[in-house]
Amino acid sequence: MRRAPFQSVAQRERQLENARHQEMVREETLKNLGREKLLESNMNREDRLENKRFIRTQMQEQKEREMEETILKVHLTLTCLIANLSEWKFLYQIIDYLCVINSYMTIVYMYFTSVW
């Protein structure tokens, strides 16, 4: 077995100082990596939140467009119904007048047939 060469106290202290310095650099690198990872995670989270906000806004706008379309369809349907009711009312008035005329014609017919 080989023995390690004899080191002076100064050499040993330099080695220990180098080892401490390397350990501090390693710890600082690990801290920086952790910070970068956390920052990247936060950025990814912000991107996801922004995407969710965008999708939510798009969905809200789509819902509003659909509501406007529905309101317009209902308005058009009601307008058509009112127009149809007006037409039916007019037809009802014509039928009513025809019934009155028919009644008069029946009376006239009965008068002339009973007289002759």
N, C-alpha and C. Protein backbone atom coordinates (compact mmCIF):
# COMPACT_ATOMS: atom_id res chain seq x y z
N MET A 1 0.83 -1.16 0.00
CA MET A 1 0.00 0.00 0.00
C MET A 1 0.89 1.24 0.00
N ARG A 2 0.47 2.19 -0.81
CA ARG A 2 1.25 3.40 -0.90
C ARG A 2 0.74 4.45 0.05
N ARG A 3 1.61 5.13 0.61
CA ARG A 3 1.24 6.20 1.53
C ARG A 3 1.15 7.51 0.77
N ALA A 4 0.26 8.34 1.24
CA ALA A 4 0.16 9.65 0.63
C ALA A 4 1.41 10.44 0.98
N PRO A 5 1.85 11.21 0.02
CA PRO A 5 3.06 12.00 0.32
C PRO A 5 2.81 12.97 1.46
N PHE A 6 3.83 13.25 2.16
CA PHE A 6 3.72 14.14 3.30
C PHE A 6 3.35 15.53 2.81
N GLN A 7 2.36 16.14 3.52
CA GLN A 7 1.93 17.49 3.17
C GLN A 7 2.20 18.42 4.33
N SER A 8 2.56 19.60 3.94
CA SER A 8 2.79 20.58 4.99
C SER A 8 1.43 21.10 5.46
N VAL A 9 1.45 21.78 6.59
CA VAL A 9 0.23 22.33 7.16
C VAL A 9 -0.36 23.35 6.20
N ALA A 10 0.45 24.13 5.56
CA ALA A 10 -0.03 25.16 4.63
C ALA A 10 -0.70 24.51 3.42
N GLN A 11 -0.10 23.41 2.93
CA GLN A 11 -0.71 22.72 1.79
C GLN A 11 -2.06 22.12 2.18
N ARG A 12 -2.08 21.56 3.33
CA ARG A 12 -3.34 20.95 3.81
C ARG A 12 -4.41 22.02 3.99
N GLU A 13 -4.04 23.18 4.53
CA GLU A 13 -5.01 24.27 4.69
C GLU A 13 -5.49 24.77 3.33
N ARG A 14 -4.58 24.85 2.35
CA ARG A 14 -4.99 25.27 0.99
C ARG A 14 -5.97 24.27 0.39
N GLN A 15 -5.70 23.00 0.60
CA GLN A 15 -6.61 21.97 0.09
C GLN A 15 -7.99 22.10 0.75
N LEU A 16 -7.98 22.29 2.06
CA LEU A 16 -9.27 22.45 2.77
C LEU A 16 -9.99 23.70 2.29
N GLU A 17 -9.22 24.80 2.09
CA GLU A 17 -9.83 26.05 1.60
C GLU A 17 -10.39 25.84 0.19
N ASN A 18 -9.65 25.14 -0.66
CA ASN A 18 -10.14 24.84 -2.02
C ASN A 18 -11.40 23.98 -1.96
N ALA A 19 -11.40 23.01 -1.07
CA ALA A 19 -12.57 22.13 -0.93
C ALA A 19 -13.77 22.95 -0.44
N ARG A 20 -13.55 23.84 0.55
CA ARG A 20 -14.65 24.69 1.01
C ARG A 20 -15.15 25.59 -0.11
N HIS A 21 -14.22 26.17 -0.86
CA HIS A 21 -14.60 27.06 -1.96
C HIS A 21 -15.39 26.28 -3.01
N GLN A 22 -14.95 25.10 -3.36
CA GLN A 22 -15.67 24.28 -4.34
C GLN A 22 -17.07 23.93 -3.81
N GLU A 23 -17.15 23.62 -2.52
CA GLU A 23 -18.46 23.30 -1.92
C GLU A 23 -19.38 24.52 -1.98
N MET A 24 -18.83 25.72 -1.69
CA MET A 24 -19.64 26.93 -1.75
C MET A 24 -20.11 27.20 -3.18
N VAL A 25 -19.22 26.98 -4.15
CA VAL A 25 -19.59 27.17 -5.55
C VAL A 25 -20.68 26.18 -5.93
N ARG A 26 -20.52 24.93 -5.49
CA ARG A 26 -21.52 23.90 -5.78
C ARG A 26 -22.87 24.27 -5.17
N GLU A 27 -22.87 24.72 -3.91
CA GLU A 27 -24.12 25.13 -3.25
C GLU A 27 -24.76 26.32 -3.96
N GLU A 28 -23.92 27.30 -4.34
CA GLU A 28 -24.44 28.47 -5.04
C GLU A 28 -25.02 28.06 -6.40
N THR A 29 -24.36 27.13 -7.07
CA THR A 29 -24.87 26.64 -8.36
C THR A 29 -26.21 25.94 -8.16
N LEU A 30 -26.30 25.12 -7.10
CA LEU A 30 -27.57 24.45 -6.82
C LEU A 30 -28.67 25.45 -6.49
N LYS A 31 -28.34 26.50 -5.72
CA LYS A 31 -29.32 27.54 -5.40
C LYS A 31 -29.79 28.22 -6.68
N ASN A 32 -28.81 28.57 -7.55
CA ASN A 32 -29.16 29.23 -8.82
C ASN A 32 -30.05 28.34 -9.70
N LEU A 33 -29.71 27.05 -9.72
CA LEU A 33 -30.53 26.11 -10.50
C LEU A 33 -31.95 26.04 -9.93
N GLY A 34 -32.02 26.03 -8.60
CA GLY A 34 -33.34 26.00 -7.95
C GLY A 34 -34.14 27.25 -8.27
N ARG A 35 -33.45 28.42 -8.21
CA ARG A 35 -34.13 29.69 -8.54
C ARG A 35 -34.60 29.69 -10.00
N GLU A 36 -33.72 29.22 -10.89
CA GLU A 36 -34.09 29.18 -12.31
C GLU A 36 -35.28 28.24 -12.55
N LYS A 37 -35.24 27.11 -11.86
CA LYS A 37 -36.34 26.16 -12.00
C LYS A 37 -37.65 26.75 -11.48
N LEU A 38 -37.56 27.44 -10.33
CA LEU A 38 -38.74 28.09 -9.77
C LEU A 38 -39.24 29.20 -10.71
N LEU A 39 -38.32 29.98 -11.24
CA LEU A 39 -38.68 31.04 -12.17
C LEU A 39 -39.35 30.46 -13.42
N GLU A 40 -38.76 29.42 -13.95
CA GLU A 40 -39.35 28.77 -15.14
C GLU A 40 -40.73 28.21 -14.81
N SER A 41 -40.86 27.61 -13.64
CA SER A 41 -42.16 27.08 -13.22
C SER A 41 -43.19 28.19 -13.10
N ASN A 42 -42.79 29.31 -12.50
CA ASN A 42 -43.69 30.46 -12.38
C ASN A 42 -44.08 31.02 -13.74
N MET A 43 -43.10 31.08 -14.65
CA MET A 43 -43.39 31.57 -15.99
C MET A 43 -44.36 30.64 -16.71
N ASN A 44 -44.14 29.34 -16.55
CA ASN A 44 -45.06 28.37 -17.16
C ASN A 44 -46.46 28.51 -16.56
N ARG A 45 -46.51 28.71 -15.26
CA ARG A 45 -47.81 28.89 -14.60
C ARG A 45 -48.49 30.16 -15.12
N GLU A 46 -47.72 31.23 -15.25
CA GLU A 46 -48.28 32.48 -15.79
C GLU A 46 -48.78 32.28 -17.21
N ASP A 47 -48.02 31.52 -18.01
CA ASP A 47 -48.47 31.24 -19.38
C ASP A 47 -49.78 30.46 -19.36
N ARG A 48 -49.86 29.46 -18.49
CA ARG A 48 -51.10 28.68 -18.39
C ARG A 48 -52.27 29.55 -17.94
N LEU A 49 -52.02 30.41 -16.95
CA LEU A 49 -53.07 31.31 -16.48
C LEU A 49 -53.51 32.26 -17.59
N GLU A 50 -52.55 32.78 -18.33
CA GLU A 50 -52.88 33.68 -19.44
C GLU A 50 -53.69 32.94 -20.50
N ASN A 51 -53.31 31.70 -20.78
CA ASN A 51 -54.09 30.90 -21.74
C ASN A 51 -55.51 30.67 -21.23
N LYS A 52 -55.63 30.38 -19.94
CA LYS A 52 -56.96 30.17 -19.37
C LYS A 52 -57.79 31.45 -19.45
N ARG A 53 -57.15 32.59 -19.15
CA ARG A 53 -57.86 33.87 -19.25
C ARG A 53 -58.32 34.12 -20.68
N PHE A 54 -57.43 33.85 -21.63
CA PHE A 54 -57.76 34.05 -23.04
C PHE A 54 -58.93 33.16 -23.45
N ILE A 55 -58.87 31.88 -23.07
CA ILE A 55 -59.95 30.94 -23.41
C ILE A 55 -61.24 31.38 -22.75
N ARG A 56 -61.17 31.79 -21.48
CA ARG A 56 -62.36 32.25 -20.77
C ARG A 56 -62.97 33.47 -21.47
N THR A 57 -62.13 34.41 -21.89
CA THR A 57 -62.60 35.59 -22.61
C THR A 57 -63.25 35.20 -23.92
N GLN A 58 -62.60 34.28 -24.64
CA GLN A 58 -63.17 33.83 -25.92
C GLN A 58 -64.52 33.15 -25.70
N MET A 59 -64.62 32.33 -24.67
CA MET A 59 -65.88 31.65 -24.38
C MET A 59 -66.96 32.66 -24.00
N GLN A 60 -66.59 33.67 -23.21
CA GLN A 60 -67.56 34.70 -22.81
C GLN A 60 -68.05 35.47 -24.04
N GLU A 61 -67.12 35.82 -24.93
CA GLU A 61 -67.52 36.53 -26.15
C GLU A 61 -68.42 35.65 -27.01
N GLN A 62 -68.09 34.36 -27.12
CA GLN A 62 -68.94 33.44 -27.90
C GLN A 62 -70.33 33.35 -27.28
N LYS A 63 -70.38 33.26 -25.96
CA LYS A 63 -71.66 33.19 -25.27
C LYS A 63 -72.48 34.45 -25.52
N GLU A 64 -71.82 35.62 -25.47
CA GLU A 64 -72.52 36.88 -25.73
C GLU A 64 -73.04 36.93 -27.16
N ARG A 65 -72.22 36.45 -28.13
CA ARG A 65 -72.68 36.41 -29.53
C ARG A 65 -73.89 35.50 -29.67
N GLU A 66 -73.84 34.34 -29.01
CA GLU A 66 -74.98 33.42 -29.09
C GLU A 66 -76.23 34.03 -28.46
N MET A 67 -76.04 34.76 -27.35
CA MET A 67 -77.19 35.41 -26.71
C MET A 67 -77.78 36.47 -27.64
N GLU A 68 -76.92 37.25 -28.29
CA GLU A 68 -77.40 38.27 -29.22
C GLU A 68 -78.15 37.62 -30.38
N GLU A 69 -77.61 36.52 -30.91
CA GLU A 69 -78.29 35.81 -32.00
C GLU A 69 -79.65 35.30 -31.54
N THR A 70 -79.70 34.76 -30.33
CA THR A 70 -80.96 34.26 -29.80
C THR A 70 -81.97 35.39 -29.64
N ILE A 71 -81.51 36.53 -29.13
CA ILE A 71 -82.41 37.68 -28.97
C ILE A 71 -82.94 38.12 -30.33
N LEU A 72 -82.06 38.17 -31.33
CA LEU A 72 -82.50 38.57 -32.67
C LEU A 72 -83.50 37.57 -33.25
N LYS A 73 -83.26 36.28 -33.04
CA LYS A 73 -84.19 35.25 -33.53
C LYS A 73 -85.55 35.39 -32.85
N VAL A 74 -85.54 35.61 -31.54
CA VAL A 74 -86.80 35.78 -30.81
C VAL A 74 -87.52 37.02 -31.31
N HIS A 75 -86.79 38.10 -31.52
CA HIS A 75 -87.40 39.33 -32.02
C HIS A 75 -88.03 39.09 -33.40
N LEU A 76 -87.30 38.40 -34.27
CA LEU A 76 -87.82 38.10 -35.60
C LEU A 76 -89.06 37.21 -35.52
N THR A 77 -89.00 36.21 -34.66
CA THR A 77 -90.15 35.31 -34.50
C THR A 77 -91.36 36.06 -33.97
N LEU A 78 -91.16 36.92 -32.98
CA LEU A 78 -92.27 37.70 -32.45
C LEU A 78 -92.83 38.65 -33.50
N THR A 79 -91.96 39.26 -34.28
CA THR A 79 -92.41 40.14 -35.35
C THR A 79 -93.26 39.37 -36.35
N CYS A 80 -92.81 38.18 -36.72
CA CYS A 80 -93.58 37.35 -37.65
C CYS A 80 -94.92 36.95 -37.04
N LEU A 81 -94.92 36.59 -35.76
CA LEU A 81 -96.16 36.21 -35.09
C LEU A 81 -97.14 37.37 -35.06
N ILE A 82 -96.64 38.55 -34.77
CA ILE A 82 -97.51 39.73 -34.74
C ILE A 82 -98.07 39.99 -36.13
N ALA A 83 -97.23 39.86 -37.15
CA ALA A 83 -97.70 40.04 -38.52
C ALA A 83 -98.76 38.99 -38.86
N ASN A 84 -98.51 37.73 -38.47
CA ASN A 84 -99.49 36.67 -38.72
C ASN A 84 -100.79 36.93 -37.97
N LEU A 85 -100.67 37.42 -36.74
CA LEU A 85 -101.88 37.73 -35.97
C LEU A 85 -102.67 38.83 -36.65
N SER A 86 -101.97 39.81 -37.18
CA SER A 86 -102.65 40.88 -37.91
C SER A 86 -103.37 40.31 -39.12
N GLU A 87 -102.68 39.40 -39.84
CA GLU A 87 -103.32 38.77 -40.99
C GLU A 87 -104.53 37.95 -40.56
N TRP A 88 -104.39 37.20 -39.47
CA TRP A 88 -105.51 36.39 -38.99
C TRP A 88 -106.66 37.29 -38.53
N LYS A 89 -106.31 38.38 -37.88
CA LYS A 89 -107.34 39.31 -37.44
C LYS A 89 -108.10 39.85 -38.65
N PHE A 90 -107.35 40.22 -39.69
CA PHE A 90 -107.98 40.71 -40.91
C PHE A 90 -108.87 39.63 -41.53
N LEU A 91 -108.36 38.39 -41.58
CA LEU A 91 -109.17 37.29 -42.14
C LEU A 91 -110.41 37.04 -41.27
N TYR A 92 -110.25 37.15 -39.97
CA TYR A 92 -111.39 36.98 -39.07
C TYR A 92 -112.45 38.05 -39.34
N GLN A 93 -111.99 39.27 -39.56
CA GLN A 93 -112.93 40.36 -39.87
C GLN A 93 -113.65 40.07 -41.19
N ILE A 94 -112.91 39.58 -42.19
CA ILE A 94 -113.56 39.25 -43.47
C ILE A 94 -114.60 38.16 -43.26
N ILE A 95 -114.24 37.12 -42.50
CA ILE A 95 -115.18 36.03 -42.23
C ILE A 95 -116.39 36.56 -41.49
N ASP A 96 -116.16 37.43 -40.53
CA ASP A 96 -117.27 38.03 -39.78
C ASP A 96 -118.19 38.81 -40.72
N TYR A 97 -117.61 39.60 -41.63
CA TYR A 97 -118.43 40.34 -42.59
C TYR A 97 -119.19 39.38 -43.50
N LEU A 98 -118.53 38.30 -43.90
CA LEU A 98 -119.20 37.32 -44.76
C LEU A 98 -120.37 36.66 -44.02
N CYS A 99 -120.18 36.41 -42.74
CA CYS A 99 -121.28 35.82 -41.94
C CYS A 99 -122.46 36.79 -41.86
N VAL A 100 -122.15 38.06 -41.67
CA VAL A 100 -123.21 39.07 -41.62
C VAL A 100 -123.93 39.12 -42.96
N ILE A 101 -123.15 39.14 -44.03
CA ILE A 101 -123.76 39.16 -45.37
C ILE A 101 -124.59 37.92 -45.58
N ASN A 102 -124.09 36.78 -45.15
CA ASN A 102 -124.84 35.52 -45.28
C ASN A 102 -126.15 35.59 -44.52
N SER A 103 -126.09 36.18 -43.31
CA SER A 103 -127.31 36.31 -42.52
C SER A 103 -128.32 37.18 -43.27
N TYR A 104 -127.86 38.30 -43.82
CA TYR A 104 -128.76 39.17 -44.57
C TYR A 104 -129.33 38.45 -45.79
N MET A 105 -128.47 37.68 -46.45
CA MET A 105 -128.94 36.97 -47.64
C MET A 105 -129.98 35.92 -47.25
N THR A 106 -129.77 35.29 -46.11
CA THR A 106 -130.75 34.30 -45.64
C THR A 106 -132.07 34.98 -45.35
N ILE A 107 -132.02 36.12 -44.71
CA ILE A 107 -133.25 36.86 -44.40
C ILE A 107 -133.94 37.29 -45.70
N VAL A 108 -133.17 37.79 -46.64
CA VAL A 108 -133.74 38.21 -47.92
C VAL A 108 -134.32 37.00 -48.65
N TYR A 109 -133.60 35.89 -48.64
CA TYR A 109 -134.08 34.68 -49.30
C TYR A 109 -135.39 34.22 -48.66
N MET A 110 -135.41 34.21 -47.33
CA MET A 110 -136.63 33.76 -46.64
C MET A 110 -137.80 34.74 -46.96
N TYR A 111 -137.46 35.99 -47.03
CA TYR A 111 -138.51 36.96 -47.32
C TYR A 111 -139.10 36.72 -48.71
N PHE A 112 -138.19 36.57 -49.69
CA PHE A 112 -138.68 36.39 -51.04
C PHE A 112 -139.30 35.02 -51.26
N THR A 113 -138.84 34.00 -50.60
CA THR A 113 -139.44 32.69 -50.79
C THR A 113 -140.75 32.58 -50.05
N SER A 114 -140.92 33.26 -48.96
CA SER A 114 -142.19 33.20 -48.26
C SER A 114 -143.24 34.06 -48.95
N VAL A 115 -142.84 35.09 -49.59
CA VAL A 115 -143.77 35.99 -50.27
C VAL A 115 -144.28 35.36 -51.55
N TRP A 116 -143.52 34.75 -52.26
CA TRP A 116 -143.93 34.16 -53.53
C TRP A 116 -144.63 32.93 -53.24
